[in-house]
C-alpha atoms as a PDB file:
ATOM      1  CA  MET A   1      16.812  15.620   2.920  1.00  0.00           C
ATOM      2  CA  LYS A   2      17.395  16.495  -0.649  1.00  0.00           C
ATOM      3  CA  GLY A   3      13.921  15.885  -2.249  1.00  0.00           C
ATOM      4  CA  LYS A   4      10.584  16.798  -1.037  1.00  0.00           C
ATOM      5  CA  ILE A   5       7.850  14.391   0.096  1.00  0.00           C
ATOM      6  CA  GLU A   6       5.615  13.330  -2.770  1.00  0.00           C
ATOM      7  CA  MET A   7       2.113  14.610  -1.944  1.00  0.00           C
ATOM      8  CA  ALA A   8      -1.011  12.438  -2.308  1.00  0.00           C
ATOM      9  CA  SER A   9      -1.653  10.926  -5.684  1.00  0.00           C
ATOM     10  CA  ARG A  10      -4.493  11.863  -8.007  1.00  0.00           C
ATOM     11  CA  GLU A  11      -5.732   8.362  -7.149  1.00  0.00           C
ATOM     12  CA  TRP A  12      -6.138   9.359  -3.566  1.00  0.00           C
ATOM     13  CA  ARG A  13      -7.789  12.597  -4.561  1.00  0.00           C
ATOM     14  CA  LYS A  14     -10.283  10.759  -6.622  1.00  0.00           C
ATOM     15  CA  LEU A  15     -11.474   8.598  -3.777  1.00  0.00           C
ATOM     16  CA  ASP A  16     -14.855   9.448  -2.201  1.00  0.00           C
ATOM     17  CA  GLU A  17     -14.333  11.474   0.963  1.00  0.00           C
ATOM     18  CA  GLN A  18     -15.920   8.880   3.149  1.00  0.00           C
ATOM     19  CA  VAL A  19     -13.404   6.226   1.907  1.00  0.00           C
ATOM     20  CA  ARG A  20     -10.574   8.656   2.525  1.00  0.00           C
ATOM     21  CA  ARG A  21     -11.814   9.059   6.096  1.00  0.00           C
ATOM     22  CA  THR A  22     -12.095   5.301   6.578  1.00  0.00           C
ATOM     23  CA  ILE A  23      -8.499   4.974   5.353  1.00  0.00           C
ATOM     24  CA  ALA A  24      -7.267   7.838   7.568  1.00  0.00           C
ATOM     25  CA  ASP A  25      -8.971   6.292  10.571  1.00  0.00           C
ATOM     26  CA  HIS A  26      -6.415   3.283  10.055  1.00  0.00           C
ATOM     27  CA  GLN A  27      -3.357   5.672   9.567  1.00  0.00           C
ATOM     28  CA  ASP A  28      -3.464   6.948  13.091  1.00  0.00           C
ATOM     29  CA  VAL A  29      -0.356   4.820  14.017  1.00  0.00           C
ATOM     30  CA  ILE A  30       2.684   3.534  12.108  1.00  0.00           C
ATOM     31  CA  PRO A  31       2.938   1.180  10.606  1.00  0.00           C
ATOM     32  CA  VAL A  32      -0.626   1.636   9.203  1.00  0.00           C
ATOM     33  CA  ARG A  33      -3.026  -0.928  10.399  1.00  0.00           C
ATOM     34  CA  LEU A  34      -3.714  -2.686   6.974  1.00  0.00           C
ATOM     35  CA  SER A  35      -5.569  -5.715   8.235  1.00  0.00           C
ATOM     36  CA  SER A  36      -8.148  -3.579  10.244  1.00  0.00           C
ATOM     37  CA  LEU A  37      -8.431  -1.269   7.049  1.00  0.00           C
ATOM     38  CA  ALA A  38      -9.201  -4.199   4.768  1.00  0.00           C
ATOM     39  CA  GLN A  39     -11.789  -5.500   7.388  1.00  0.00           C
ATOM     40  CA  ALA A  40     -13.346  -2.001   7.499  1.00  0.00           C
ATOM     41  CA  LEU A  41     -13.694  -2.021   3.685  1.00  0.00           C
ATOM     42  CA  GLY A  42     -15.232  -5.547   3.752  1.00  0.00           C
ATOM     43  CA  ILE A  43     -12.138  -7.317   2.529  1.00  0.00           C
ATOM     44  CA  ARG A  44     -10.658 -10.432   4.075  1.00  0.00           C
ATOM     45  CA  VAL A  45      -6.813 -10.918   4.095  1.00  0.00           C
ATOM     46  CA  LYS A  46      -5.402 -14.389   4.047  1.00  0.00           C
ATOM     47  CA  GLY A  47      -1.823 -15.583   3.902  1.00  0.00           C
ATOM     48  CA  ALA A  48      -1.545 -18.356   1.244  1.00  0.00           C
ATOM     49  CA  THR A  49       0.994 -20.282  -0.623  1.00  0.00           C
ATOM     50  CA  LEU A  50       0.498 -18.839  -4.077  1.00  0.00           C
ATOM     51  CA  PRO A  51       2.130 -20.077  -7.501  1.00  0.00           C
ATOM     52  CA  PRO A  52       5.764 -19.050  -7.988  1.00  0.00           C
ATOM     53  CA  GLY A  53       6.169 -15.421  -8.951  1.00  0.00           C
ATOM     54  CA  ILE A  54       2.678 -14.451  -7.632  1.00  0.00           C
ATOM     55  CA  SER A  55       2.563 -11.873  -4.818  1.00  0.00           C
ATOM     56  CA  GLY A  56      -1.050 -11.401  -4.473  1.00  0.00           C
ATOM     57  CA  GLU A  57      -4.554 -11.970  -5.461  1.00  0.00           C
ATOM     58  CA  LEU A  58      -7.884 -10.083  -5.067  1.00  0.00           C
ATOM     59  CA  ARG A  59     -10.980 -12.144  -5.697  1.00  0.00           C
ATOM     60  CA  PRO A  60     -14.756 -11.916  -5.073  1.00  0.00           C
ATOM     61  CA  SER A  61     -16.095 -14.286  -2.628  1.00  0.00           C
ATOM     62  CA  ASP A  62     -19.511 -15.151  -1.101  1.00  0.00           C
ATOM     63  CA  MET A  63     -18.859 -12.664   1.578  1.00  0.00           C
ATOM     64  CA  GLY A  64     -17.361  -9.776  -0.259  1.00  0.00           C
ATOM     65  CA  PHE A  65     -13.730  -9.891  -1.534  1.00  0.00           C
ATOM     66  CA  VAL A  66     -10.639 -11.709  -0.193  1.00  0.00           C
ATOM     67  CA  ILE A  67      -6.943 -10.716  -0.686  1.00  0.00           C
ATOM     68  CA  LYS A  68      -4.627 -13.658  -0.743  1.00  0.00           C
ATOM     69  CA  VAL A  69      -1.014 -12.688   0.048  1.00  0.00           C
ATOM     70  CA  ASN A  70       1.893 -14.916  -0.578  1.00  0.00           C
ATOM     71  CA  ARG A  71       2.996 -16.063   2.876  1.00  0.00           C
ATOM     72  CA  HIS A  72       6.504 -16.777   1.717  1.00  0.00           C
ATOM     73  CA  ASP A  73       7.326 -13.096   0.735  1.00  0.00           C
ATOM     74  CA  PRO A  74       9.014 -10.880   3.215  1.00  0.00           C
ATOM     75  CA  SER A  75       6.838  -8.944   5.560  1.00  0.00           C
ATOM     76  CA  LYS A  76       7.470  -5.485   3.877  1.00  0.00           C
ATOM     77  CA  ARG A  77       6.553  -7.028   0.540  1.00  0.00           C
ATOM     78  CA  GLN A  78       3.392  -8.600   1.952  1.00  0.00           C
ATOM     79  CA  ARG A  79       2.267  -5.164   3.356  1.00  0.00           C
ATOM     80  CA  PHE A  80       2.746  -3.445   0.027  1.00  0.00           C
ATOM     81  CA  THR A  81       0.852  -6.399  -1.740  1.00  0.00           C
ATOM     82  CA  VAL A  82      -1.972  -5.995   0.638  1.00  0.00           C
ATOM     83  CA  ALA A  83      -2.098  -2.246   0.113  1.00  0.00           C
ATOM     84  CA  HIS A  84      -1.805  -2.710  -3.628  1.00  0.00           C
ATOM     85  CA  GLU A  85      -4.816  -5.134  -3.610  1.00  0.00           C
ATOM     86  CA  ILE A  86      -6.879  -2.654  -1.537  1.00  0.00           C
ATOM     87  CA  ALA A  87      -6.060  -0.044  -4.117  1.00  0.00           C
ATOM     88  CA  HIS A  88      -7.229  -2.302  -6.979  1.00  0.00           C
ATOM     89  CA  PHE A  89     -10.386  -2.889  -4.869  1.00  0.00           C
ATOM     90  CA  LEU A  90     -11.100   0.812  -4.353  1.00  0.00           C
ATOM     91  CA  LEU A  91     -10.069   1.998  -7.981  1.00  0.00           C
ATOM     92  CA  HIS A  92     -10.782  -0.973 -10.331  1.00  0.00           C
ATOM     93  CA  ARG A  93     -13.596  -3.079  -8.581  1.00  0.00           C
ATOM     94  CA  GLU A  94     -15.740  -3.079 -11.705  1.00  0.00           C
ATOM     95  CA  GLU A  95     -12.776  -4.666 -13.714  1.00  0.00           C
ATOM     96  CA  ILE A  96     -11.787  -7.336 -11.306  1.00  0.00           C
ATOM     97  CA  GLY A  97     -14.308  -9.976 -12.721  1.00  0.00           C
ATOM     98  CA  GLN A  98     -13.404 -13.319 -11.199  1.00  0.00           C
ATOM     99  CA  GLY A  99     -10.221 -11.944  -9.726  1.00  0.00           C
ATOM    100  CA  ILE A 100      -6.760 -10.755 -10.385  1.00  0.00           C
ATOM    101  CA  SER A 101      -3.331 -11.999  -9.487  1.00  0.00           C
ATOM    102  CA  ASP A 102      -0.324  -9.675  -9.357  1.00  0.00           C
ATOM    103  CA  ASP A 103       3.089 -10.981 -10.040  1.00  0.00           C
ATOM    104  CA  VAL A 104       6.242  -9.924  -8.119  1.00  0.00           C
ATOM    105  CA  LEU A 105       6.393  -6.744 -10.305  1.00  0.00           C
ATOM    106  CA  TYR A 106       2.736  -5.993  -9.474  1.00  0.00           C
ATOM    107  CA  ARG A 107       1.698  -6.693 -13.025  1.00  0.00           C
ATOM    108  CA  SER A 108      -1.678  -8.428 -13.707  1.00  0.00           C
ATOM    109  CA  ASP A 109      -4.174  -8.919 -16.490  1.00  0.00           C
ATOM    110  CA  LEU A 110      -5.069  -5.152 -16.042  1.00  0.00           C
ATOM    111  CA  SER A 111      -3.280  -2.603 -17.934  1.00  0.00           C
ATOM    112  CA  ASP A 112       0.053  -1.053 -16.819  1.00  0.00           C
ATOM    113  CA  ARG A 113      -1.796   2.136 -16.178  1.00  0.00           C
ATOM    114  CA  ARG A 114      -4.113   0.403 -13.697  1.00  0.00           C
ATOM    115  CA  GLU A 115      -1.139  -1.206 -12.048  1.00  0.00           C
ATOM    116  CA  GLN A 116       0.598   2.125 -11.746  1.00  0.00           C
ATOM    117  CA  GLU A 117      -2.575   3.618 -10.258  1.00  0.00           C
ATOM    118  CA  ALA A 118      -2.829   0.797  -7.696  1.00  0.00           C
ATOM    119  CA  ASN A 119       0.990   1.312  -6.807  1.00  0.00           C
ATOM    120  CA  ARG A 120       0.427   5.108  -6.173  1.00  0.00           C
ATOM    121  CA  LEU A 121      -2.500   4.559  -4.053  1.00  0.00           C
ATOM    122  CA  ALA A 122      -0.901   1.765  -2.095  1.00  0.00           C
ATOM    123  CA  ALA A 123       1.905   4.194  -1.269  1.00  0.00           C
ATOM    124  CA  ASP A 124      -0.619   6.691  -0.122  1.00  0.00           C
ATOM    125  CA  ILE A 125      -2.242   4.180   2.140  1.00  0.00           C
ATOM    126  CA  LEU A 126       1.111   2.928   3.548  1.00  0.00           C
ATOM    127  CA  MET A 127       2.855   6.228   3.872  1.00  0.00           C
ATOM    128  CA  PRO A 128       0.406   9.132   4.580  1.00  0.00           C
ATOM    129  CA  ASP A 129       1.897  12.547   3.934  1.00  0.00           C
ATOM    130  CA  ALA A 130       1.283  13.956   7.343  1.00  0.00           C
ATOM    131  CA  LYS A 131       2.740  10.847   9.184  1.00  0.00           C
ATOM    132  CA  VAL A 132       5.869  10.859   6.958  1.00  0.00           C
ATOM    133  CA  GLU A 133       6.514  14.496   7.575  1.00  0.00           C
ATOM    134  CA  GLU A 134       5.928  14.094  11.326  1.00  0.00           C
ATOM    135  CA  GLN A 135       8.337  11.022  11.399  1.00  0.00           C
ATOM    136  CA  ALA A 136      10.872  12.816   9.209  1.00  0.00           C
ATOM    137  CA  GLU A 137      10.968  15.663  11.553  1.00  0.00           C
ATOM    138  CA  ASP A 138      11.381  13.364  14.531  1.00  0.00           C
ATOM    139  CA  ALA A 139      14.259  11.482  12.722  1.00  0.00           C
ATOM    140  CA  ARG A 140      15.980  14.797  11.934  1.00  0.00           C
ATOM    141  CA  GLU A 141      15.755  15.826  15.504  1.00  0.00           C
ATOM    142  CA  MET A 142      17.349  12.533  16.642  1.00  0.00           C
ATOM    143  CA  GLY A 143      20.164  12.973  13.968  1.00  0.00           C
ATOM    144  CA  VAL A 144      19.379   9.950  12.005  1.00  0.00           C
ATOM    145  CA  GLY A 145      22.075   9.326   9.386  1.00  0.00           C
ATOM    146  CA  ASP A 146      19.985   7.711   6.564  1.00  0.00           C
ATOM    147  CA  LEU A 147      16.445   9.182   6.718  1.00  0.00           C
ATOM    148  CA  ALA A 148      14.959   6.934   4.044  1.00  0.00           C
ATOM    149  CA  LEU A 149      16.222   3.854   5.750  1.00  0.00           C
ATOM    150  CA  ASP A 150      14.894   4.978   9.122  1.00  0.00           C
ATOM    151  CA  LEU A 151      11.545   6.001   7.900  1.00  0.00           C
ATOM    152  CA  ALA A 152      11.304   2.687   5.822  1.00  0.00           C
ATOM    153  CA  ASP A 153      11.685   0.811   9.128  1.00  0.00           C
ATOM    154  CA  ARG A 154       9.252   2.916  11.058  1.00  0.00           C
ATOM    155  CA  PHE A 155       6.581   2.539   8.351  1.00  0.00           C
ATOM    156  CA  ASN A 156       7.560  -1.165   7.562  1.00  0.00           C
ATOM    157  CA  VAL A 157       8.002  -0.399   3.975  1.00  0.00           C
ATOM    158  CA  SER A 158      10.988  -1.049   1.480  1.00  0.00           C
ATOM    159  CA  GLU A 159      13.708   1.452   1.451  1.00  0.00           C
ATOM    160  CA  GLY A 160      12.962   1.935  -2.302  1.00  0.00           C
ATOM    161  CA  ALA A 161       9.309   2.757  -1.573  1.00  0.00           C
ATOM    162  CA  MET A 162      10.309   5.253   1.107  1.00  0.00           C
ATOM    163  CA  ARG A 163      12.986   6.833  -1.288  1.00  0.00           C
ATOM    164  CA  ILE A 164      10.319   7.519  -3.948  1.00  0.00           C
ATOM    165  CA  LYS A 165       7.925   8.980  -1.305  1.00  0.00           C
ATOM    166  CA  LEU A 166      10.775  11.215  -0.043  1.00  0.00           C
ATOM    167  CA  GLY A 167      11.693  12.200  -3.665  1.00  0.00           C
ATOM    168  CA  VAL A 168      15.200  11.011  -3.259  1.00  0.00           C
ATOM    169  CA  ALA A 169      14.996   7.807  -5.423  1.00  0.00           C
END
């Protein structure tokens, strides 16, 4: 492996310790259990047919918050979308108002900085450092040819996301 694993983001480090523990409780296996994490945070996740170009939405509801993810997107994209919307919930809850919709490039009415923060935290949620290191060691012992591709499959994330995590993008 040429690069080194990107360590947890500043967004991860800014989270309350109890929130980090709640997330960690759902990172015990890979791929990370996103639906149960969302539930533990009081967020419902629903598959939906969203307008063209929209990957996900986060909106307040009578019973907390709901994430709608575009059911027509590939599984790996849906997983990142859910993690991205969870990140908005954790980082930007006061700015959500009546809700936000993220397009296929994870842009919304929030600033680009807020979108980048949500992307970094989503990556931390989906690809926890310790699990990436553990699985990378396992893959190396097995003689895997393309580490990023193998780990992307293990974590059910895109190859691009994993390459960024491994520092080989």
